[in-house]
Amino acid sequence: MKLTRAMLDDAAQEGLLDASQAGRLWHYLLEREQHTPGFKTAHILYYLGGLIAIGAMSLFMTLGWESFGGTGLFLISICYIAAAIGSVEWLRARQLLLPAGVLAAFAVVLVPLAVYGLQHMLGLWADGQAGDAYRNYHYYIDWRWILMELATLAVGAVVLWRYRMPFTVMPLAVTLWYMSMDVTAMLLGSSHGFFSQEGKVISGLFGIAMTLMALWVDLRNRSGKDFAFWLYVWGVLTFWGALSSMDSGSELGKLVYCMINLLMIGIGAALSRRVFAVFGGFGLAGYLGHLSYTVFKDSLMFPVALTAIGIAIIAAGVFWQRREAAIGATLRQWLPGPLRLLVERRAA
């Protein structure tokens, strides 16, 4: 429910609070809203500018930067990081927390480039090979990137501890996703191993671990900031991507895949995390498409049966809405205490 000033004025007229309290409460809510990410012009500009800067030093890095050599890349990265951290401190002192969080994430994104330059300075990286250029860190699977990833996680953890800004978790979550692929390549002996069945299993387990880490963060978080969001996004993406790319080998395996996606939708509803429902919905749509185009491609009744299932799900939604409080209270009794508190807080 979206609270408006008119609602507070109505509450004041009903005698629930006086006019001065309504005014102070509205001023407090407006101040708090300024620090809550949303589709506001200033916020869009913050994130757009930050993502362009982050992309410039990561995904869109050109080969021309290799001409600076290891020492040049290291010194430039350190100067960029120092400037970003200095800007974060300046913005925090003025309570401009959203742009400060974006620049803190930018500082963390620069760590792999700094480590790459340092490795070249120390002679720990082969020179003169196009496949070893820094820009390939974001495109190629290679176990040699792992040291850069570990350094990014370490620095990112310090930055997150220092500033407590949720957007700083974004580069950490992406780095964990990268690491899931590079560790798989290291364990299986080559980058091609990541695309094997064993590689997909390892990647899926990595995604589950990242998602459980997000849940752990959620359970321990007592602030109004959402530190688990990006961990959920990349954890679910890693798990679901690995699961969806596996060869099920049979209709039973595909049915199990469908059940897992339905479970993800249920988890998303329980935790109020849309990322589970989004990817679960994609998986369910893919399974239904498989049934339509392969198993029941000549059937007259499949569309009718599928329509009936859809109507039944809508009816279940109506039933749930009418009895949501009682059903939710009954189901939450079976949950552990911390998880029950998390679900109740999300529901509120």
Protein backbone atom coordinates (compact mmCIF):
# COMPACT_ATOMS: atom_id res chain seq x y z
CA MET A 1 0.00 0.00 0.00
CA LYS A 2 1.34 3.43 -0.95
CA LEU A 3 0.98 6.02 1.80
CA THR A 4 0.06 9.55 0.71
CA ARG A 5 -0.23 12.88 2.51
CA ALA A 6 -3.99 12.77 1.90
CA MET A 7 -4.20 9.56 3.96
CA LEU A 8 -2.43 11.23 6.88
CA ASP A 9 -4.73 14.25 6.63
CA ASP A 10 -7.76 11.92 6.68
CA ALA A 11 -6.34 10.15 9.74
CA ALA A 12 -5.92 13.53 11.45
CA GLN A 13 -9.55 14.42 10.67
CA GLU A 14 -10.64 11.10 12.18
CA GLY A 15 -8.80 11.99 15.38
CA LEU A 16 -6.18 9.22 15.06
CA LEU A 17 -3.41 11.84 15.23
CA ASP A 18 -3.29 15.61 15.29
CA ALA A 19 -2.34 17.84 12.35
CA SER A 20 1.14 18.63 13.64
CA GLN A 21 1.91 14.92 14.11
CA ALA A 22 0.68 14.24 10.57
CA GLY A 23 2.99 16.96 9.23
CA ARG A 24 6.04 15.71 11.12
CA LEU A 25 5.35 12.11 10.13
CA TRP A 26 5.01 13.08 6.47
CA HIS A 27 8.29 15.04 6.60
CA TYR A 28 10.02 12.02 8.17
CA LEU A 29 8.67 9.69 5.48
CA LEU A 30 9.79 12.03 2.71
CA GLU A 31 13.30 12.19 4.16
CA ARG A 32 13.46 8.41 4.43
CA GLU A 33 12.13 7.98 0.89
CA GLN A 34 15.05 9.99 -0.47
CA HIS A 35 17.40 7.19 0.64
CA THR A 36 15.22 4.34 -0.66
CA PRO A 37 16.04 3.23 -4.23
CA GLY A 38 13.17 3.80 -6.64
CA PHE A 39 12.21 5.11 -10.06
CA LYS A 40 12.96 8.72 -9.28
CA THR A 41 14.82 10.94 -11.73
CA ALA A 42 17.79 11.51 -9.40
CA HIS A 43 18.03 7.80 -8.56
CA ILE A 44 17.90 6.78 -12.22
CA LEU A 45 20.72 9.23 -12.96
CA TYR A 46 22.77 7.87 -10.04
CA TYR A 47 22.52 4.28 -11.21
CA LEU A 48 22.82 5.06 -14.92
CA GLY A 49 25.99 7.08 -14.40
CA GLY A 50 27.39 4.51 -12.01
CA LEU A 51 26.70 1.58 -14.32
CA ILE A 52 28.28 3.41 -17.26
CA ALA A 53 31.41 4.08 -15.19
CA ILE A 54 31.45 0.48 -13.92
CA GLY A 55 30.99 -0.86 -17.45
CA ALA A 56 33.78 1.39 -18.76
CA MET A 57 36.27 -0.18 -16.35
CA SER A 58 35.04 -3.75 -16.76
CA LEU A 59 32.86 -5.01 -19.63
CA PHE A 60 33.82 -2.26 -22.07
CA MET A 61 37.53 -2.11 -21.31
CA THR A 62 39.55 -1.81 -24.54
CA LEU A 63 42.79 -3.51 -25.53
CA GLY A 64 44.42 -0.07 -25.78
CA TRP A 65 44.79 -0.01 -21.99
CA GLU A 66 47.26 -2.90 -22.22
CA SER A 67 49.77 -0.37 -23.57
CA PHE A 68 50.09 1.13 -20.08
CA GLY A 69 51.74 -2.07 -18.90
CA GLY A 70 51.37 -3.62 -15.47
CA THR A 71 52.77 -0.65 -13.54
CA GLY A 72 50.58 1.85 -15.39
CA LEU A 73 47.42 -0.21 -14.91
CA PHE A 74 48.15 -0.69 -11.21
CA LEU A 75 48.81 3.00 -10.54
CA ILE A 76 45.81 4.17 -12.55
CA SER A 77 43.56 1.70 -10.71
CA ILE A 78 44.84 2.83 -7.31
CA CYS A 79 44.24 6.49 -8.23
CA TYR A 80 40.70 5.67 -9.42
CA ILE A 81 39.99 3.71 -6.23
CA ALA A 82 41.32 6.50 -4.03
CA ALA A 83 39.22 9.08 -5.89
CA ALA A 84 36.10 6.89 -5.62
CA ILE A 85 36.57 6.30 -1.88
CA GLY A 86 37.22 9.99 -1.30
CA SER A 87 33.98 10.80 -3.14
CA VAL A 88 32.12 8.24 -1.04
CA GLU A 89 33.31 9.93 2.15
CA TRP A 90 32.34 13.37 0.82
CA LEU A 91 28.85 12.19 -0.20
CA ARG A 92 28.25 10.34 3.07
CA ALA A 93 29.07 13.46 5.05
CA ARG A 94 26.24 15.17 3.16
CA GLN A 95 23.80 12.26 3.58
CA LEU A 96 23.80 11.47 -0.15
CA LEU A 97 23.84 7.75 0.48
CA LEU A 98 22.64 6.39 -2.87
CA PRO A 99 25.36 7.96 -5.04
CA ALA A 100 27.85 7.10 -2.31
CA GLY A 101 26.83 3.45 -2.55
CA VAL A 102 27.19 3.47 -6.34
CA LEU A 103 30.73 4.90 -6.10
CA ALA A 104 31.64 2.39 -3.38
CA ALA A 105 30.63 -0.38 -5.79
CA PHE A 106 32.70 1.33 -8.51
CA ALA A 107 35.75 1.21 -6.23
CA VAL A 108 35.29 -2.54 -5.70
CA VAL A 109 34.94 -3.14 -9.46
CA LEU A 110 38.40 -1.60 -9.96
CA VAL A 111 40.11 -4.18 -7.72
CA PRO A 112 40.53 -6.89 -10.41
CA LEU A 113 42.26 -4.38 -12.72
CA ALA A 114 44.60 -3.33 -9.90
CA VAL A 115 45.48 -6.95 -9.10
CA TYR A 116 45.96 -7.71 -12.81
CA GLY A 117 48.40 -4.80 -13.10
CA LEU A 118 50.22 -5.89 -9.92
CA GLN A 119 50.59 -9.43 -11.25
CA HIS A 120 52.18 -8.06 -14.43
CA MET A 121 54.51 -5.87 -12.36
CA LEU A 122 55.69 -8.92 -10.42
CA GLY A 123 56.06 -11.06 -13.53
CA LEU A 124 53.30 -13.44 -12.49
CA TRP A 125 51.31 -13.10 -15.72
CA ALA A 126 52.31 -14.02 -19.27
CA ASP A 127 52.88 -10.98 -21.49
CA GLY A 128 52.05 -10.64 -25.14
CA GLN A 129 49.10 -13.03 -25.33
CA ALA A 130 45.81 -11.55 -26.53
CA GLY A 131 43.81 -14.13 -24.60
CA ASP A 132 45.38 -12.86 -21.37
CA ALA A 133 44.19 -9.25 -21.75
CA TYR A 134 42.28 -7.85 -18.79
CA ARG A 135 39.09 -7.33 -20.79
CA ASN A 136 38.81 -11.13 -21.14
CA TYR A 137 38.32 -11.40 -17.37
CA HIS A 138 34.66 -10.58 -18.02
CA TYR A 139 34.25 -12.87 -21.03
CA TYR A 140 36.44 -15.97 -20.72
CA ILE A 141 36.39 -18.75 -18.15
CA ASP A 142 39.91 -19.25 -16.79
CA TRP A 143 41.09 -20.51 -13.40
CA ARG A 144 43.90 -17.91 -13.42
CA TRP A 145 41.34 -15.17 -12.68
CA ILE A 146 40.71 -16.67 -9.23
CA LEU A 147 43.35 -14.58 -7.43
CA MET A 148 41.72 -11.42 -8.84
CA GLU A 149 38.34 -12.66 -7.64
CA LEU A 150 39.58 -13.47 -4.15
CA ALA A 151 41.11 -10.01 -3.85
CA THR A 152 37.85 -8.43 -5.02
CA LEU A 153 35.88 -10.35 -2.40
CA ALA A 154 38.34 -9.34 0.35
CA VAL A 155 38.34 -5.64 -0.55
CA GLY A 156 34.60 -5.67 -1.15
CA ALA A 157 33.99 -7.15 2.29
CA VAL A 158 36.03 -4.35 3.87
CA VAL A 159 34.18 -1.67 1.88
CA LEU A 160 30.84 -3.22 2.79
CA TRP A 161 31.82 -3.36 6.48
CA ARG A 162 32.97 0.26 6.39
CA TYR A 163 30.02 1.83 4.58
CA ARG A 164 27.09 -0.62 5.03
CA MET A 165 25.65 0.18 1.59
CA PRO A 166 23.58 -2.54 -0.13
CA PHE A 167 24.66 -1.74 -3.71
CA THR A 168 28.23 -2.65 -2.72
CA VAL A 169 27.05 -6.27 -2.60
CA MET A 170 26.41 -6.20 -6.37
CA PRO A 171 30.06 -6.54 -7.51
CA LEU A 172 30.63 -9.15 -4.78
CA ALA A 173 27.71 -11.24 -6.03
CA VAL A 174 28.91 -10.96 -9.64
CA THR A 175 32.41 -11.96 -8.54
CA LEU A 176 31.01 -15.04 -6.80
CA TRP A 177 29.21 -15.90 -10.04
CA TYR A 178 32.46 -15.54 -11.99
CA MET A 179 34.23 -17.66 -9.40
CA SER A 180 31.66 -20.44 -9.74
CA MET A 181 32.72 -20.81 -13.38
CA ASP A 182 36.47 -20.38 -12.86
CA VAL A 183 36.62 -22.79 -9.90
CA THR A 184 34.74 -25.35 -11.98
CA ALA A 185 37.27 -24.92 -14.78
CA MET A 186 40.12 -25.36 -12.29
CA LEU A 187 38.62 -28.52 -10.77
CA LEU A 188 37.82 -30.10 -14.14
CA GLY A 189 41.02 -29.08 -15.84
CA SER A 190 39.84 -26.71 -18.59
CA SER A 191 37.34 -23.99 -19.42
CA HIS A 192 35.39 -26.52 -21.47
CA GLY A 193 34.78 -28.53 -18.32
CA PHE A 194 32.35 -25.88 -17.13
CA PHE A 195 29.96 -26.86 -19.93
CA SER A 196 30.11 -30.57 -19.09
CA GLN A 197 27.43 -32.26 -17.01
CA GLU A 198 29.80 -32.31 -14.02
CA GLY A 199 30.55 -28.63 -14.50
CA LYS A 200 26.86 -27.77 -14.51
CA VAL A 201 26.36 -29.73 -11.28
CA ILE A 202 29.21 -27.84 -9.59
CA SER A 203 27.83 -24.52 -10.84
CA GLY A 204 24.36 -25.44 -9.58
CA LEU A 205 25.75 -26.28 -6.14
CA PHE A 206 27.61 -22.96 -6.14
CA GLY A 207 24.31 -21.22 -6.88
CA ILE A 208 22.59 -23.01 -4.01
CA ALA A 209 25.42 -22.00 -1.67
CA MET A 210 25.13 -18.35 -2.76
CA THR A 211 21.35 -18.43 -2.28
CA LEU A 212 21.74 -19.91 1.20
CA MET A 213 24.26 -17.18 1.97
CA ALA A 214 21.64 -14.62 0.89
CA LEU A 215 19.09 -16.25 3.19
CA TRP A 216 21.60 -16.16 6.06
CA VAL A 217 22.17 -12.44 5.44
CA ASP A 218 18.40 -11.93 5.35
CA LEU A 219 17.95 -13.71 8.66
CA ARG A 220 20.66 -11.67 10.40
CA ASN A 221 19.72 -8.32 8.89
CA ARG A 222 17.86 -6.09 11.33
CA SER A 223 18.14 -2.85 9.36
CA GLY A 224 15.79 -1.50 6.72
CA LYS A 225 18.47 -1.97 4.03
CA ASP A 226 18.31 -4.94 1.70
CA PHE A 227 21.80 -6.46 1.73
CA ALA A 228 20.66 -9.84 0.39
CA PHE A 229 19.05 -8.68 -2.88
CA TRP A 230 22.04 -9.08 -5.21
CA LEU A 231 23.10 -12.36 -3.60
CA TYR A 232 19.62 -13.74 -4.28
CA VAL A 233 19.72 -12.51 -7.89
CA TRP A 234 23.05 -14.05 -8.82
CA GLY A 235 22.62 -17.12 -6.64
CA VAL A 236 19.28 -18.01 -8.22
CA LEU A 237 20.62 -17.13 -11.69
CA THR A 238 23.63 -19.43 -11.20
CA PHE A 239 21.52 -22.32 -9.90
CA TRP A 240 18.69 -21.95 -12.41
CA GLY A 241 21.05 -21.47 -15.35
CA ALA A 242 22.96 -24.64 -14.49
CA LEU A 243 19.75 -26.58 -13.87
CA SER A 244 18.14 -25.45 -17.12
CA SER A 245 21.20 -26.32 -19.20
CA MET A 246 21.45 -29.89 -17.88
CA ASP A 247 20.41 -32.80 -20.06
CA SER A 248 17.46 -34.36 -18.22
CA GLY A 249 17.54 -37.46 -20.42
CA SER A 250 13.92 -38.45 -19.87
CA GLU A 251 10.41 -37.10 -19.38
CA LEU A 252 10.69 -37.93 -15.70
CA GLY A 253 13.75 -35.70 -15.45
CA LYS A 254 11.90 -32.89 -17.19
CA LEU A 255 8.99 -33.33 -14.79
CA VAL A 256 11.39 -33.04 -11.85
CA TYR A 257 12.71 -29.84 -13.46
CA CYS A 258 9.14 -28.53 -13.59
CA MET A 259 8.59 -29.40 -9.92
CA ILE A 260 11.78 -27.58 -8.91
CA ASN A 261 10.59 -24.48 -10.76
CA LEU A 262 7.20 -24.67 -9.05
CA LEU A 263 9.02 -24.95 -5.72
CA MET A 264 11.03 -21.83 -6.62
CA ILE A 265 7.80 -19.93 -7.26
CA GLY A 266 6.53 -21.03 -3.84
CA ILE A 267 9.77 -19.98 -2.15
CA GLY A 268 9.55 -16.61 -3.88
CA ALA A 269 6.03 -16.11 -2.56
CA ALA A 270 7.00 -17.17 0.97
CA LEU A 271 10.08 -14.93 1.16
CA SER A 272 8.63 -12.09 -0.94
CA ARG A 273 11.57 -12.44 -3.30
CA ARG A 274 10.45 -11.98 -6.90
CA VAL A 275 13.66 -13.37 -8.37
CA PHE A 276 12.60 -16.92 -7.41
CA ALA A 277 9.19 -16.45 -9.00
CA VAL A 278 10.64 -14.88 -12.18
CA PHE A 279 13.09 -17.68 -12.93
CA GLY A 280 10.64 -20.33 -11.73
CA GLY A 281 8.07 -18.87 -14.13
CA PHE A 282 10.58 -19.03 -16.99
CA GLY A 283 11.31 -22.67 -16.19
CA LEU A 284 7.62 -23.55 -15.97
CA ALA A 285 6.95 -21.82 -19.29
CA GLY A 286 9.81 -23.76 -20.85
CA TYR A 287 8.44 -27.08 -19.59
CA LEU A 288 4.94 -26.31 -20.84
CA GLY A 289 6.43 -25.34 -24.19
CA HIS A 290 8.22 -28.70 -24.30
CA LEU A 291 4.94 -30.50 -23.63
CA SER A 292 3.13 -28.48 -26.27
CA TYR A 293 5.71 -28.83 -29.05
CA THR A 294 7.01 -32.34 -28.32
CA VAL A 295 4.89 -34.58 -26.10
CA PHE A 296 1.38 -33.38 -27.00
CA LYS A 297 2.05 -31.72 -30.35
CA ASP A 298 -0.84 -33.63 -32.01
CA SER A 299 -3.23 -33.51 -29.06
CA LEU A 300 -6.57 -31.72 -29.24
CA MET A 301 -7.11 -31.74 -25.49
CA PHE A 302 -3.77 -30.35 -24.28
CA PRO A 303 -4.72 -26.65 -24.71
CA VAL A 304 -8.08 -27.34 -23.04
CA ALA A 305 -6.46 -29.15 -20.12
CA LEU A 306 -3.84 -26.41 -19.76
CA THR A 307 -6.57 -23.76 -19.71
CA ALA A 308 -8.40 -25.70 -17.00
CA ILE A 309 -5.20 -25.85 -14.95
CA GLY A 310 -4.75 -22.10 -15.33
CA ILE A 311 -8.32 -21.42 -14.18
CA ALA A 312 -7.82 -23.78 -11.23
CA ILE A 313 -4.69 -21.85 -10.21
CA ILE A 314 -6.65 -18.58 -10.34
CA ALA A 315 -9.34 -20.17 -8.15
CA ALA A 316 -6.65 -21.28 -5.71
CA GLY A 317 -5.44 -17.68 -5.63
CA VAL A 318 -8.93 -16.46 -4.74
CA PHE A 319 -9.18 -19.09 -2.00
CA TRP A 320 -5.75 -18.10 -0.67
CA GLN A 321 -6.57 -14.39 -0.62
CA ARG A 322 -9.73 -14.95 1.41
CA ARG A 323 -7.98 -17.14 3.97
CA GLU A 324 -4.43 -15.86 3.67
CA ALA A 325 -4.00 -14.82 7.31
CA ALA A 326 -5.20 -18.14 8.74
CA ILE A 327 -3.32 -20.29 6.21
CA GLY A 328 -0.14 -18.24 6.61
CA ALA A 329 -0.28 -18.44 10.41
CA THR A 330 -0.75 -22.22 10.25
CA LEU A 331 2.13 -22.75 7.82
CA ARG A 332 4.50 -20.46 9.72
CA GLN A 333 4.10 -22.58 12.85
CA TRP A 334 6.18 -25.26 11.16
CA LEU A 335 9.09 -22.89 10.40
CA PRO A 336 12.13 -22.31 12.63
CA GLY A 337 11.87 -19.16 14.74
CA PRO A 338 14.28 -16.90 12.77
CA LEU A 339 12.80 -17.94 9.41
CA ARG A 340 9.28 -17.38 10.74
CA LEU A 341 10.22 -13.86 11.82
CA LEU A 342 11.73 -13.18 8.38
CA VAL A 343 8.58 -14.34 6.58
CA GLU A 344 6.37 -12.28 8.89
CA ARG A 345 8.54 -9.22 8.38
CA ARG A 346 8.41 -9.66 4.59
CA ALA A 347 4.65 -10.17 4.69
CA ALA A 348 4.26 -6.93 6.62
